[in-house]
Amino acid sequence: MKPRLVFVHGIGGPRDAMADLQEWLRAAAHGARAAGHAGSVSGLTGGWAADARFAYYGDLFHTAGAQGAGVAAGSPAGRDDEELVAELLLEAVDERLADPELAPHEARVLRHARTQLAPPGGAQGIGAPGRHVANALTTLLALPGLRSAGGWLSARVTAGMLGQVARYLNRAETGDDGVTLDTRIRRRVADCLDGDGPTVVVAHSLGTVVALETLHAHRGEVPLLVTLGSPLGTRTAVLPRVRPRPVSAPACVGRWLNFWDRDDIVAARPRLEDFVRPNASSVRPVSSRVDSDGAWVHPAAKYLAQAAVAGPLVEALTSATRS
């Protein structure tokens, strides 16, 4: 039987799950070719290398009756969410400012954004913290990793997308059935996993948090977990809110590879092995840096097209097929 391959997406607006599945598979095929696995390319795109699933949950941020519904970008639902987004951005800015490779122009932009997020003397002003987030994001869009491509990315849209991280982690929203938003999201992912055979999981952005929490309740085999552009290491805004505590590798995971791009501001503290405890089999994240070209490096397809990412993915699927 073919192994299961499950992609778990991150923040963003409404999407076509099937179109995204094909885009992620094509990107992985490109990376596989670059990694010397040209013979596996057709298997990925043709569907016979794996039973590929796209665990889509983006619509749950827009479900009628849910707090914050009706905003296309999935904006923060309240002040608690805005405060969490501000914490997330502040830590990301501080981490980038500590980068010894930081260019002078980037440093000026980051220092200005930090002042907007945390005004001197603790001044709050009108509309804080939401206004502080919007002002800082407008400034941060001048950075290489966030700069607008074709004018589609704005501070308002970006704030809404980051707000999805807050809405998941604050776990305050419930649907008409009384089930919380984060629980409904994890159920979507769990429904895509194979309970009997092996499942290779590739998770991106917020999806890395969702996948980690979901896999802690999974009883099937996960020979490889790949995380891309993960905010899991954000120690003030994200890590303390991840469940279960202390944060550890799920028991079902046999290997965990984590990838980050220097220009991906979402992955503020990328070395997850510094924060995540090993499971009983001594499995913990192994983090590696990749470097993508272009103005916006956070998309999953940018990561999957890297040989360092796609190579181990193809090898895990091949090994799972043989076993």
C-alpha atoms as a PDB file:
ATOM      1  CA  MET A   1       0.000   0.000   0.000  1.00  0.00           C
ATOM      2  CA  LYS A   2       1.041   3.583  -0.602  1.00  0.00           C
ATOM      3  CA  PRO A   3       2.068   5.603   2.437  1.00  0.00           C
ATOM      4  CA  ARG A   4      -0.061   8.606   3.374  1.00  0.00           C
ATOM      5  CA  LEU A   5       1.368  12.096   2.822  1.00  0.00           C
ATOM      6  CA  VAL A   6      -0.440  14.862   4.689  1.00  0.00           C
ATOM      7  CA  PHE A   7       0.194  18.565   4.131  1.00  0.00           C
ATOM      8  CA  VAL A   8      -0.921  20.934   6.900  1.00  0.00           C
ATOM      9  CA  HIS A   9      -1.132  24.563   5.836  1.00  0.00           C
ATOM     10  CA  GLY A  10      -0.624  27.695   7.899  1.00  0.00           C
ATOM     11  CA  ILE A  11      -1.987  31.212   8.029  1.00  0.00           C
ATOM     12  CA  GLY A  12      -3.731  32.793   5.068  1.00  0.00           C
ATOM     13  CA  GLY A  13      -7.004  33.660   3.446  1.00  0.00           C
ATOM     14  CA  PRO A  14      -9.485  31.248   1.858  1.00  0.00           C
ATOM     15  CA  ARG A  15      -7.817  28.767  -0.472  1.00  0.00           C
ATOM     16  CA  ASP A  16      -8.576  26.031  -2.974  1.00  0.00           C
ATOM     17  CA  ALA A  17      -7.356  22.927  -1.156  1.00  0.00           C
ATOM     18  CA  MET A  18      -6.968  20.831  -4.314  1.00  0.00           C
ATOM     19  CA  ALA A  19      -5.077  23.588  -6.108  1.00  0.00           C
ATOM     20  CA  ASP A  20      -2.789  23.993  -3.110  1.00  0.00           C
ATOM     21  CA  LEU A  21      -2.227  20.238  -2.918  1.00  0.00           C
ATOM     22  CA  GLN A  22      -1.056  20.220  -6.524  1.00  0.00           C
ATOM     23  CA  GLU A  23       1.134  23.296  -5.966  1.00  0.00           C
ATOM     24  CA  TRP A  24       2.828  21.730  -2.931  1.00  0.00           C
ATOM     25  CA  LEU A  25       3.358  18.451  -4.795  1.00  0.00           C
ATOM     26  CA  ARG A  26       4.856  20.263  -7.790  1.00  0.00           C
ATOM     27  CA  ALA A  27       7.177  22.200  -5.499  1.00  0.00           C
ATOM     28  CA  ALA A  28       8.248  18.989  -3.748  1.00  0.00           C
ATOM     29  CA  ALA A  29       8.846  17.380  -7.146  1.00  0.00           C
ATOM     30  CA  HIS A  30      11.082  20.309  -8.122  1.00  0.00           C
ATOM     31  CA  GLY A  31      13.027  19.920  -4.886  1.00  0.00           C
ATOM     32  CA  ALA A  32      13.242  16.154  -5.367  1.00  0.00           C
ATOM     33  CA  ARG A  33      14.793  16.600  -8.788  1.00  0.00           C
ATOM     34  CA  ALA A  34      17.329  19.041  -7.328  1.00  0.00           C
ATOM     35  CA  ALA A  35      18.117  16.469  -4.617  1.00  0.00           C
ATOM     36  CA  GLY A  36      18.938  13.812  -7.218  1.00  0.00           C
ATOM     37  CA  HIS A  37      15.620  11.962  -7.031  1.00  0.00           C
ATOM     38  CA  ALA A  38      14.455  12.620 -10.583  1.00  0.00           C
ATOM     39  CA  GLY A  39      12.941   9.147 -10.734  1.00  0.00           C
ATOM     40  CA  SER A  40      10.513  10.066  -7.964  1.00  0.00           C
ATOM     41  CA  VAL A  41       9.151  13.223  -9.565  1.00  0.00           C
ATOM     42  CA  SER A  42       6.399  11.576 -11.581  1.00  0.00           C
ATOM     43  CA  GLY A  43       5.398   9.509  -8.560  1.00  0.00           C
ATOM     44  CA  LEU A  44       4.814  12.659  -6.522  1.00  0.00           C
ATOM     45  CA  THR A  45       2.857  14.579  -9.139  1.00  0.00           C
ATOM     46  CA  GLY A  46       1.100  11.516 -10.532  1.00  0.00           C
ATOM     47  CA  GLY A  47      -0.146  10.275  -7.192  1.00  0.00           C
ATOM     48  CA  TRP A  48       1.358   6.798  -7.052  1.00  0.00           C
ATOM     49  CA  ALA A  49       4.236   7.614  -4.655  1.00  0.00           C
ATOM     50  CA  ALA A  50       1.832   8.503  -1.857  1.00  0.00           C
ATOM     51  CA  ASP A  51      -1.799   8.952  -0.932  1.00  0.00           C
ATOM     52  CA  ALA A  52      -1.500  12.731  -0.640  1.00  0.00           C
ATOM     53  CA  ARG A  53      -3.992  14.741   1.403  1.00  0.00           C
ATOM     54  CA  PHE A  54      -4.267  18.471   2.092  1.00  0.00           C
ATOM     55  CA  ALA A  55      -5.594  19.055   5.615  1.00  0.00           C
ATOM     56  CA  TYR A  56      -7.603  22.219   5.010  1.00  0.00           C
ATOM     57  CA  TYR A  57      -9.031  24.142   7.936  1.00  0.00           C
ATOM     58  CA  GLY A  58      -8.879  27.758   6.719  1.00  0.00           C
ATOM     59  CA  ASP A  59     -12.638  27.977   6.304  1.00  0.00           C
ATOM     60  CA  LEU A  60     -13.079  27.438  10.049  1.00  0.00           C
ATOM     61  CA  PHE A  61     -11.716  30.937  10.646  1.00  0.00           C
ATOM     62  CA  HIS A  62     -14.667  32.285   8.637  1.00  0.00           C
ATOM     63  CA  THR A  63     -17.498  30.017   9.805  1.00  0.00           C
ATOM     64  CA  ALA A  64     -20.752  31.864  10.397  1.00  0.00           C
ATOM     65  CA  GLY A  65     -21.437  32.282  14.100  1.00  0.00           C
ATOM     66  CA  ALA A  66     -17.791  32.036  15.120  1.00  0.00           C
ATOM     67  CA  GLN A  67     -16.201  35.029  16.811  1.00  0.00           C
ATOM     68  CA  GLY A  68     -14.365  37.145  14.255  1.00  0.00           C
ATOM     69  CA  ALA A  69     -16.170  35.561  11.276  1.00  0.00           C
ATOM     70  CA  GLY A  70     -16.776  37.444   8.096  1.00  0.00           C
ATOM     71  CA  VAL A  71     -13.371  39.131   7.856  1.00  0.00           C
ATOM     72  CA  ALA A  72     -11.656  37.893   4.739  1.00  0.00           C
ATOM     73  CA  ALA A  73      -8.183  37.836   6.230  1.00  0.00           C
ATOM     74  CA  GLY A  74      -9.291  36.249   9.487  1.00  0.00           C
ATOM     75  CA  SER A  75      -8.540  39.271  11.625  1.00  0.00           C
ATOM     76  CA  PRO A  76      -7.935  39.047  15.383  1.00  0.00           C
ATOM     77  CA  ALA A  77     -11.162  38.533  17.309  1.00  0.00           C
ATOM     78  CA  GLY A  78     -10.370  40.776  20.255  1.00  0.00           C
ATOM     79  CA  ARG A  79      -7.834  42.618  22.359  1.00  0.00           C
ATOM     80  CA  ASP A  80      -6.299  39.391  23.718  1.00  0.00           C
ATOM     81  CA  ASP A  81      -5.589  38.279  20.159  1.00  0.00           C
ATOM     82  CA  GLU A  82      -4.136  41.659  19.228  1.00  0.00           C
ATOM     83  CA  GLU A  83      -1.850  41.536  22.269  1.00  0.00           C
ATOM     84  CA  LEU A  84      -0.620  38.072  21.299  1.00  0.00           C
ATOM     85  CA  VAL A  85       0.129  39.251  17.745  1.00  0.00           C
ATOM     86  CA  ALA A  86       2.057  42.204  19.180  1.00  0.00           C
ATOM     87  CA  GLU A  87       4.079  39.808  21.385  1.00  0.00           C
ATOM     88  CA  LEU A  88       4.753  37.564  18.388  1.00  0.00           C
ATOM     89  CA  LEU A  89       6.006  40.470  16.276  1.00  0.00           C
ATOM     90  CA  LEU A  90       8.068  41.979  19.082  1.00  0.00           C
ATOM     91  CA  GLU A  91       9.937  38.736  19.677  1.00  0.00           C
ATOM     92  CA  ALA A  92      10.446  38.247  15.943  1.00  0.00           C
ATOM     93  CA  VAL A  93      11.892  41.762  15.657  1.00  0.00           C
ATOM     94  CA  ASP A  94      14.191  41.266  18.656  1.00  0.00           C
ATOM     95  CA  GLU A  95      15.473  37.966  17.267  1.00  0.00           C
ATOM     96  CA  ARG A  96      16.228  39.523  13.899  1.00  0.00           C
ATOM     97  CA  LEU A  97      17.988  42.474  15.547  1.00  0.00           C
ATOM     98  CA  ALA A  98      20.310  39.976  17.250  1.00  0.00           C
ATOM     99  CA  ASP A  99      21.338  38.497  13.871  1.00  0.00           C
ATOM    100  CA  PRO A 100      25.063  39.224  13.279  1.00  0.00           C
ATOM    101  CA  GLU A 101      24.442  39.143   9.502  1.00  0.00           C
ATOM    102  CA  LEU A 102      21.890  41.956   9.712  1.00  0.00           C
ATOM    103  CA  ALA A 103      22.341  44.693   7.114  1.00  0.00           C
ATOM    104  CA  PRO A 104      22.297  48.330   8.319  1.00  0.00           C
ATOM    105  CA  HIS A 105      19.107  49.107   6.370  1.00  0.00           C
ATOM    106  CA  GLU A 106      17.317  46.128   7.909  1.00  0.00           C
ATOM    107  CA  ALA A 107      18.465  47.176  11.381  1.00  0.00           C
ATOM    108  CA  ARG A 108      17.013  50.678  10.921  1.00  0.00           C
ATOM    109  CA  VAL A 109      13.680  49.264   9.782  1.00  0.00           C
ATOM    110  CA  LEU A 110      13.544  46.788  12.645  1.00  0.00           C
ATOM    111  CA  ARG A 111      14.439  49.359  15.305  1.00  0.00           C
ATOM    112  CA  HIS A 112      11.698  51.673  14.042  1.00  0.00           C
ATOM    113  CA  ALA A 113       9.159  48.834  14.067  1.00  0.00           C
ATOM    114  CA  ARG A 114      10.202  47.887  17.597  1.00  0.00           C
ATOM    115  CA  THR A 115       9.581  51.441  18.793  1.00  0.00           C
ATOM    116  CA  GLN A 116       6.123  51.294  17.236  1.00  0.00           C
ATOM    117  CA  LEU A 117       5.341  47.985  18.961  1.00  0.00           C
ATOM    118  CA  ALA A 118       6.744  49.050  22.338  1.00  0.00           C
ATOM    119  CA  PRO A 119       6.665  52.869  22.569  1.00  0.00           C
ATOM    120  CA  PRO A 120       9.157  54.448  25.004  1.00  0.00           C
ATOM    121  CA  GLY A 121       7.834  54.846  28.505  1.00  0.00           C
ATOM    122  CA  GLY A 122       5.098  52.272  27.955  1.00  0.00           C
ATOM    123  CA  ALA A 123       2.821  54.761  26.188  1.00  0.00           C
ATOM    124  CA  GLN A 124      -0.207  53.012  24.707  1.00  0.00           C
ATOM    125  CA  GLY A 125      -2.080  55.597  22.714  1.00  0.00           C
ATOM    126  CA  ILE A 126      -5.385  55.290  20.898  1.00  0.00           C
ATOM    127  CA  GLY A 127      -6.267  51.899  19.499  1.00  0.00           C
ATOM    128  CA  ALA A 128      -3.411  50.004  21.134  1.00  0.00           C
ATOM    129  CA  PRO A 129      -2.314  47.252  20.698  1.00  0.00           C
ATOM    130  CA  GLY A 130      -4.019  46.859  17.313  1.00  0.00           C
ATOM    131  CA  ARG A 131      -2.805  50.229  16.095  1.00  0.00           C
ATOM    132  CA  HIS A 132       0.752  49.438  17.192  1.00  0.00           C
ATOM    133  CA  VAL A 133       0.632  46.160  15.238  1.00  0.00           C
ATOM    134  CA  ALA A 134      -0.688  47.863  12.100  1.00  0.00           C
ATOM    135  CA  ASN A 135       1.941  50.621  12.250  1.00  0.00           C
ATOM    136  CA  ALA A 136       4.777  48.180  12.871  1.00  0.00           C
ATOM    137  CA  LEU A 137       3.679  45.887  10.039  1.00  0.00           C
ATOM    138  CA  THR A 138       3.580  48.831   7.640  1.00  0.00           C
ATOM    139  CA  THR A 139       7.206  49.463   8.566  1.00  0.00           C
ATOM    140  CA  LEU A 140       8.221  45.785   8.439  1.00  0.00           C
ATOM    141  CA  LEU A 141       6.890  45.391   4.892  1.00  0.00           C
ATOM    142  CA  ALA A 142      10.071  47.132   3.787  1.00  0.00           C
ATOM    143  CA  LEU A 143      12.084  44.065   4.859  1.00  0.00           C
ATOM    144  CA  PRO A 144      13.235  41.599   2.152  1.00  0.00           C
ATOM    145  CA  GLY A 145      11.283  38.720   3.682  1.00  0.00           C
ATOM    146  CA  LEU A 146       7.999  40.596   3.876  1.00  0.00           C
ATOM    147  CA  ARG A 147       8.167  43.161   1.096  1.00  0.00           C
ATOM    148  CA  SER A 148       5.066  43.385  -1.056  1.00  0.00           C
ATOM    149  CA  ALA A 149       5.077  41.444  -4.312  1.00  0.00           C
ATOM    150  CA  GLY A 150       2.794  43.070  -6.843  1.00  0.00           C
ATOM    151  CA  GLY A 151       1.117  45.166  -4.130  1.00  0.00           C
ATOM    152  CA  TRP A 152      -1.079  42.319  -2.811  1.00  0.00           C
ATOM    153  CA  LEU A 153       0.402  42.197   0.686  1.00  0.00           C
ATOM    154  CA  SER A 154      -0.712  44.951   3.066  1.00  0.00           C
ATOM    155  CA  ALA A 155      -0.296  45.589   6.779  1.00  0.00           C
ATOM    156  CA  ARG A 156      -4.024  45.024   7.340  1.00  0.00           C
ATOM    157  CA  VAL A 157      -4.055  41.682   5.538  1.00  0.00           C
ATOM    158  CA  THR A 158      -0.857  40.554   7.259  1.00  0.00           C
ATOM    159  CA  ALA A 159      -2.266  41.490  10.669  1.00  0.00           C
ATOM    160  CA  GLY A 160      -5.361  39.444   9.920  1.00  0.00           C
ATOM    161  CA  MET A 161      -3.313  36.432   8.902  1.00  0.00           C
ATOM    162  CA  LEU A 162      -1.135  36.622  12.011  1.00  0.00           C
ATOM    163  CA  GLY A 163      -4.334  36.979  14.002  1.00  0.00           C
ATOM    164  CA  GLN A 164      -5.184  33.409  13.064  1.00  0.00           C
ATOM    165  CA  VAL A 165      -2.232  32.259  15.171  1.00  0.00           C
ATOM    166  CA  ALA A 166      -3.665  34.187  18.127  1.00  0.00           C
ATOM    167  CA  ARG A 167      -7.191  32.900  17.598  1.00  0.00           C
ATOM    168  CA  TYR A 168      -5.965  29.302  17.582  1.00  0.00           C
ATOM    169  CA  LEU A 169      -3.697  29.640  20.613  1.00  0.00           C
ATOM    170  CA  ASN A 170      -6.091  31.678  22.751  1.00  0.00           C
ATOM    171  CA  ARG A 171      -8.673  28.874  22.344  1.00  0.00           C
ATOM    172  CA  ALA A 172     -11.532  31.217  23.245  1.00  0.00           C
ATOM    173  CA  GLU A 173     -13.836  30.828  20.230  1.00  0.00           C
ATOM    174  CA  THR A 174     -16.599  28.251  20.129  1.00  0.00           C
ATOM    175  CA  GLY A 175     -18.995  27.233  17.403  1.00  0.00           C
ATOM    176  CA  ASP A 176     -22.708  26.592  17.727  1.00  0.00           C
ATOM    177  CA  ASP A 177     -21.900  23.105  19.012  1.00  0.00           C
ATOM    178  CA  GLY A 178     -19.749  24.477  21.831  1.00  0.00           C
ATOM    179  CA  VAL A 179     -16.548  23.005  20.377  1.00  0.00           C
ATOM    180  CA  THR A 180     -13.595  25.369  20.372  1.00  0.00           C
ATOM    181  CA  LEU A 181     -11.988  26.580  17.171  1.00  0.00           C
ATOM    182  CA  ASP A 182      -8.640  24.929  17.927  1.00  0.00           C
ATOM    183  CA  THR A 183     -10.335  21.552  18.546  1.00  0.00           C
ATOM    184  CA  ARG A 184     -12.227  21.723  15.258  1.00  0.00           C
ATOM    185  CA  ILE A 185      -8.996  22.552  13.434  1.00  0.00           C
ATOM    186  CA  ARG A 186      -7.168  19.571  14.945  1.00  0.00           C
ATOM    187  CA  ARG A 187     -10.057  17.277  14.008  1.00  0.00           C
ATOM    188  CA  ARG A 188      -9.637  18.291  10.364  1.00  0.00           C
ATOM    189  CA  VAL A 189      -5.976  17.299  10.474  1.00  0.00           C
ATOM    190  CA  ALA A 190      -6.608  14.079  12.411  1.00  0.00           C
ATOM    191  CA  ASP A 191      -9.174  12.995   9.809  1.00  0.00           C
ATOM    192  CA  CYS A 192      -6.433  13.061   7.148  1.00  0.00           C
ATOM    193  CA  LEU A 193      -3.967  10.865   9.051  1.00  0.00           C
ATOM    194  CA  ASP A 194      -3.721   7.127   8.465  1.00  0.00           C
ATOM    195  CA  GLY A 195      -4.524   5.246  11.651  1.00  0.00           C
ATOM    196  CA  ASP A 196      -3.218   1.937  10.315  1.00  0.00           C
ATOM    197  CA  GLY A 197      -0.313   2.645   7.971  1.00  0.00           C
ATOM    198  CA  PRO A 198       2.535   5.175   7.964  1.00  0.00           C
ATOM    199  CA  THR A 199       1.851   8.882   7.444  1.00  0.00           C
ATOM    200  CA  VAL A 200       4.499  11.423   6.476  1.00  0.00           C
ATOM    201  CA  VAL A 201       3.427  14.866   7.699  1.00  0.00           C
ATOM    202  CA  VAL A 202       4.593  18.183   6.246  1.00  0.00           C
ATOM    203  CA  ALA A 203       3.378  21.204   8.218  1.00  0.00           C
ATOM    204  CA  HIS A 204       3.858  24.901   7.551  1.00  0.00           C
ATOM    205  CA  SER A 205       3.639  28.038   9.705  1.00  0.00           C
ATOM    206  CA  LEU A 206       0.663  27.843  12.114  1.00  0.00           C
ATOM    207  CA  GLY A 207       0.168  24.321  10.760  1.00  0.00           C
ATOM    208  CA  THR A 208       3.309  23.239  12.624  1.00  0.00           C
ATOM    209  CA  VAL A 209       1.582  24.048  15.930  1.00  0.00           C
ATOM    210  CA  VAL A 210      -1.625  22.346  14.799  1.00  0.00           C
ATOM    211  CA  ALA A 211       0.249  19.253  13.569  1.00  0.00           C
ATOM    212  CA  LEU A 212       2.308  18.942  16.752  1.00  0.00           C
ATOM    213  CA  GLU A 213      -0.774  19.053  18.968  1.00  0.00           C
ATOM    214  CA  THR A 214      -2.724  16.704  16.698  1.00  0.00           C
ATOM    215  CA  LEU A 215       0.054  14.116  16.529  1.00  0.00           C
ATOM    216  CA  HIS A 216       0.218  13.860  20.302  1.00  0.00           C
ATOM    217  CA  ALA A 217      -3.177  12.118  20.104  1.00  0.00           C
ATOM    218  CA  HIS A 218      -2.333  10.032  17.010  1.00  0.00           C
ATOM    219  CA  ARG A 219      -1.676   6.320  17.433  1.00  0.00           C
ATOM    220  CA  GLY A 220      -0.467   5.550  13.914  1.00  0.00           C
ATOM    221  CA  GLU A 221       3.127   5.622  12.658  1.00  0.00           C
ATOM    222  CA  VAL A 222       4.676   8.913  11.491  1.00  0.00           C
ATOM    223  CA  PRO A 223       8.134   8.035  10.135  1.00  0.00           C
ATOM    224  CA  LEU A 224       8.843  11.685   9.287  1.00  0.00           C
ATOM    225  CA  LEU A 225       7.498  15.038  10.449  1.00  0.00           C
ATOM    226  CA  VAL A 226       8.685  18.052   8.448  1.00  0.00           C
ATOM    227  CA  THR A 227       8.046  21.551   9.797  1.00  0.00           C
ATOM    228  CA  LEU A 228       8.525  24.656   7.655  1.00  0.00           C
ATOM    229  CA  GLY A 229       8.666  28.289   8.770  1.00  0.00           C
ATOM    230  CA  SER A 230       7.511  27.353  12.262  1.00  0.00           C
ATOM    231  CA  PRO A 231       6.645  29.865  15.015  1.00  0.00           C
ATOM    232  CA  LEU A 232       6.863  27.110  17.666  1.00  0.00           C
ATOM    233  CA  GLY A 233      10.057  28.514  19.176  1.00  0.00           C
ATOM    234  CA  THR A 234       8.528  31.919  19.874  1.00  0.00           C
ATOM    235  CA  ARG A 235       8.983  31.661  23.630  1.00  0.00           C
ATOM    236  CA  THR A 236       6.682  34.447  24.837  1.00  0.00           C
ATOM    237  CA  ALA A 237       3.779  34.388  22.383  1.00  0.00           C
ATOM    238  CA  VAL A 238       3.574  30.783  21.145  1.00  0.00           C
ATOM    239  CA  LEU A 239       5.587  28.234  23.126  1.00  0.00           C
ATOM    240  CA  PRO A 240       3.855  28.774  26.514  1.00  0.00           C
ATOM    241  CA  ARG A 241       0.458  28.261  24.857  1.00  0.00           C
ATOM    242  CA  VAL A 242       1.275  25.003  23.045  1.00  0.00           C
ATOM    243  CA  ARG A 243      -0.265  21.815  24.451  1.00  0.00           C
ATOM    244  CA  PRO A 244       0.558  19.462  26.040  1.00  0.00           C
ATOM    245  CA  ARG A 245       3.139  20.914  28.396  1.00  0.00           C
ATOM    246  CA  PRO A 246       6.084  20.600  28.488  1.00  0.00           C
ATOM    247  CA  VAL A 247       6.366  20.752  24.708  1.00  0.00           C
ATOM    248  CA  SER A 248       7.816  17.513  23.367  1.00  0.00           C
ATOM    249  CA  ALA A 249       8.026  15.469  20.185  1.00  0.00           C
ATOM    250  CA  PRO A 250       4.914  13.275  19.749  1.00  0.00           C
ATOM    251  CA  ALA A 251       5.443   9.596  20.573  1.00  0.00           C
ATOM    252  CA  CYS A 252       4.383   8.517  17.073  1.00  0.00           C
ATOM    253  CA  VAL A 253       7.100  10.537  15.282  1.00  0.00           C
ATOM    254  CA  GLY A 254      10.199   8.635  14.168  1.00  0.00           C
ATOM    255  CA  ARG A 255      12.112  11.603  12.766  1.00  0.00           C
ATOM    256  CA  TRP A 256      11.538  15.366  12.845  1.00  0.00           C
ATOM    257  CA  LEU A 257      13.194  17.793  10.421  1.00  0.00           C
ATOM    258  CA  ASN A 258      12.613  21.528  10.845  1.00  0.00           C
ATOM    259  CA  PHE A 259      13.523  24.097   8.174  1.00  0.00           C
ATOM    260  CA  TRP A 260      13.738  27.878   8.360  1.00  0.00           C
ATOM    261  CA  ASP A 261      14.703  30.745   6.096  1.00  0.00           C
ATOM    262  CA  ARG A 262      16.617  33.709   7.487  1.00  0.00           C
ATOM    263  CA  ASP A 263      14.188  36.143   5.829  1.00  0.00           C
ATOM    264  CA  ASP A 264      11.122  34.340   7.210  1.00  0.00           C
ATOM    265  CA  ILE A 265      10.138  36.555  10.121  1.00  0.00           C
ATOM    266  CA  VAL A 266       7.474  34.059  11.244  1.00  0.00           C
ATOM    267  CA  ALA A 267      10.251  31.636  12.234  1.00  0.00           C
ATOM    268  CA  ALA A 268      11.658  33.988  14.858  1.00  0.00           C
ATOM    269  CA  ARG A 269      13.455  31.361  16.973  1.00  0.00           C
ATOM    270  CA  PRO A 270      14.095  28.594  14.460  1.00  0.00           C
ATOM    271  CA  ARG A 271      16.176  26.057  16.418  1.00  0.00           C
ATOM    272  CA  LEU A 272      13.267  24.083  17.827  1.00  0.00           C
ATOM    273  CA  GLU A 273      15.572  21.496  19.407  1.00  0.00           C
ATOM    274  CA  ASP A 274      16.446  24.191  21.961  1.00  0.00           C
ATOM    275  CA  PHE A 275      12.837  24.255  23.196  1.00  0.00           C
ATOM    276  CA  VAL A 276      11.220  20.902  22.384  1.00  0.00           C
ATOM    277  CA  ARG A 277      11.902  17.838  24.530  1.00  0.00           C
ATOM    278  CA  PRO A 278      12.591  14.456  22.879  1.00  0.00           C
ATOM    279  CA  ASN A 279      10.021  11.687  22.905  1.00  0.00           C
ATOM    280  CA  ALA A 280      10.630   8.265  24.489  1.00  0.00           C
ATOM    281  CA  SER A 281      12.569   7.229  21.361  1.00  0.00           C
ATOM    282  CA  SER A 282      14.914  10.237  21.741  1.00  0.00           C
ATOM    283  CA  VAL A 283      13.411  11.934  18.663  1.00  0.00           C
ATOM    284  CA  ARG A 284      13.556  15.710  18.719  1.00  0.00           C
ATOM    285  CA  PRO A 285      13.605  18.393  15.994  1.00  0.00           C
ATOM    286  CA  VAL A 286      16.704  18.817  13.866  1.00  0.00           C
ATOM    287  CA  SER A 287      16.723  22.332  12.416  1.00  0.00           C
ATOM    288  CA  SER A 288      18.383  23.437   9.173  1.00  0.00           C
ATOM    289  CA  ARG A 289      18.504  26.763   7.378  1.00  0.00           C
ATOM    290  CA  VAL A 290      17.510  27.131   3.735  1.00  0.00           C
ATOM    291  CA  ASP A 291      17.695  30.253   1.586  1.00  0.00           C
ATOM    292  CA  SER A 292      14.985  31.085  -0.929  1.00  0.00           C
ATOM    293  CA  ASP A 293      14.948  33.829  -3.521  1.00  0.00           C
ATOM    294  CA  GLY A 294      12.209  36.397  -3.923  1.00  0.00           C
ATOM    295  CA  ALA A 295      10.418  39.042  -1.899  1.00  0.00           C
ATOM    296  CA  TRP A 296       8.199  36.723   0.147  1.00  0.00           C
ATOM    297  CA  VAL A 297       9.935  33.606   1.440  1.00  0.00           C
ATOM    298  CA  HIS A 298       7.338  32.316   3.905  1.00  0.00           C
ATOM    299  CA  PRO A 299       5.132  30.270   1.474  1.00  0.00           C
ATOM    300  CA  ALA A 300       5.338  26.487   1.881  1.00  0.00           C
ATOM    301  CA  ALA A 301       6.081  26.003  -1.813  1.00  0.00           C
ATOM    302  CA  LYS A 302       9.297  28.018  -1.426  1.00  0.00           C
ATOM    303  CA  TYR A 303      10.464  25.593   1.255  1.00  0.00           C
ATOM    304  CA  LEU A 304       9.316  22.429  -0.524  1.00  0.00           C
ATOM    305  CA  ALA A 305      11.226  23.382  -3.675  1.00  0.00           C
ATOM    306  CA  GLN A 306      14.480  23.178  -1.695  1.00  0.00           C
ATOM    307  CA  ALA A 307      16.522  19.995  -2.213  1.00  0.00           C
ATOM    308  CA  ALA A 308      17.269  19.824   1.517  1.00  0.00           C
ATOM    309  CA  VAL A 309      13.527  19.632   2.248  1.00  0.00           C
ATOM    310  CA  ALA A 310      12.249  17.475  -0.608  1.00  0.00           C
ATOM    311  CA  GLY A 311      15.106  14.961  -0.530  1.00  0.00           C
ATOM    312  CA  PRO A 312      14.365  13.511   2.929  1.00  0.00           C
ATOM    313  CA  LEU A 313      10.628  13.680   2.167  1.00  0.00           C
ATOM    314  CA  VAL A 314      10.987  11.464  -0.917  1.00  0.00           C
ATOM    315  CA  GLU A 315      13.332   9.106   0.905  1.00  0.00           C
ATOM    316  CA  ALA A 316      10.831   8.713   3.773  1.00  0.00           C
ATOM    317  CA  LEU A 317       8.001   7.932   1.345  1.00  0.00           C
ATOM    318  CA  THR A 318      10.192   5.396  -0.466  1.00  0.00           C
ATOM    319  CA  SER A 319      11.164   3.673   2.768  1.00  0.00           C
ATOM    320  CA  ALA A 320       7.555   3.610   3.955  1.00  0.00           C
ATOM    321  CA  THR A 321       6.480   1.986   0.680  1.00  0.00           C
ATOM    322  CA  ARG A 322       9.119  -0.749   0.969  1.00  0.00           C
ATOM    323  CA  SER A 323       8.275  -1.531   4.586  1.00  0.00           C
END
